[in-house]
Amino acid sequence: MNILKPAFVLVTLVIIWQLIIILSDVPPYILPPPFSVIEAAVAHADIILVHATITFIEMVVGLVIGTLLGPSSALVLSYYRPARQWLMPILVISQAIPVFALAPILVLWLGYGMISKIAMAVLIIYFPVTAAFFDGLKNTNLGYLDLAHTMGASKSSTLAHIRVPAALPAFASGLRVATAMAPIGAIVGEWVGSSEGLGYLMLHANGRMQIDVMFAALLILALMAIILYYTVDAGLRRLLFWSPETKLNQL
């Protein structure tokens, strides 16, 4: 049943796509038919696979680094007030500046290779993970904390056994948001300056008026993003089987 629902949604979207083309008579260089896109994906599968692998690596590595940095920063923000006064404005400023404005700077500093794209992904992923985990640590049930203090628990024990477990559901929510945003950093970086990746392939195909190839690359990107999201979501549900959100979704 879990497989049938996404398949039904996908088939419905394809039908709507085809109906729009039939009813509006839009030319194929504006919106190619879905079967033309599928044919282009099959015909250029070898090229698309090479570029998709690069983009997928950038997405996954950026997600891993952002996931490691986020909780670490949240712990520092939660336990050291001076660090909170310095780091929180930096976090806010990093999100206030548009991603497209940062991309050329990162490409200039880090080059046209994969590192600048990973850095873009990390910047986008880092904030929602950090903010969600920090809120979870800050909003720990006071009754649990009072009980731990009454029983003489150390600060490290309270952190390991109460605050971190209590903040994990909030962290999971932030990680889901970050996973959905992971492709943005990689693709924006590839648009600004790159010689590989699906973003580069899309620009290259658009310049050559290969609109079906461009849509095929976009379709593969969407599939990769969906697979990555549901993989992370399934892992979080398995690890946090005790959380209220997981139990509600199982009903």
Foldseek 3Di string as FASTA:
>chain_A
DVVVVVVVVVVVVLVVLQVCCVVVVDDCLVPNRPVLLVVLCVVCVVQLVFQAVLLLVLLVLLLVVLLVVQLVLLVCLQPPVVSVVVVVVVLVVLVVDDLLVCLVVLCVVVHQDSPSLSVLLSSQLNNLLNVQLNVQLVPFPVVLVVVCVVVPHDPVCCVVPGRNLSSLVSNLVSSLVSLLCSSVSNLSNVCNHYDGHLNVVLVVCVVVSVVSPNVSSVVSVVVSSVVSSVVSVVVSCVVPVVDPVSVVVVD
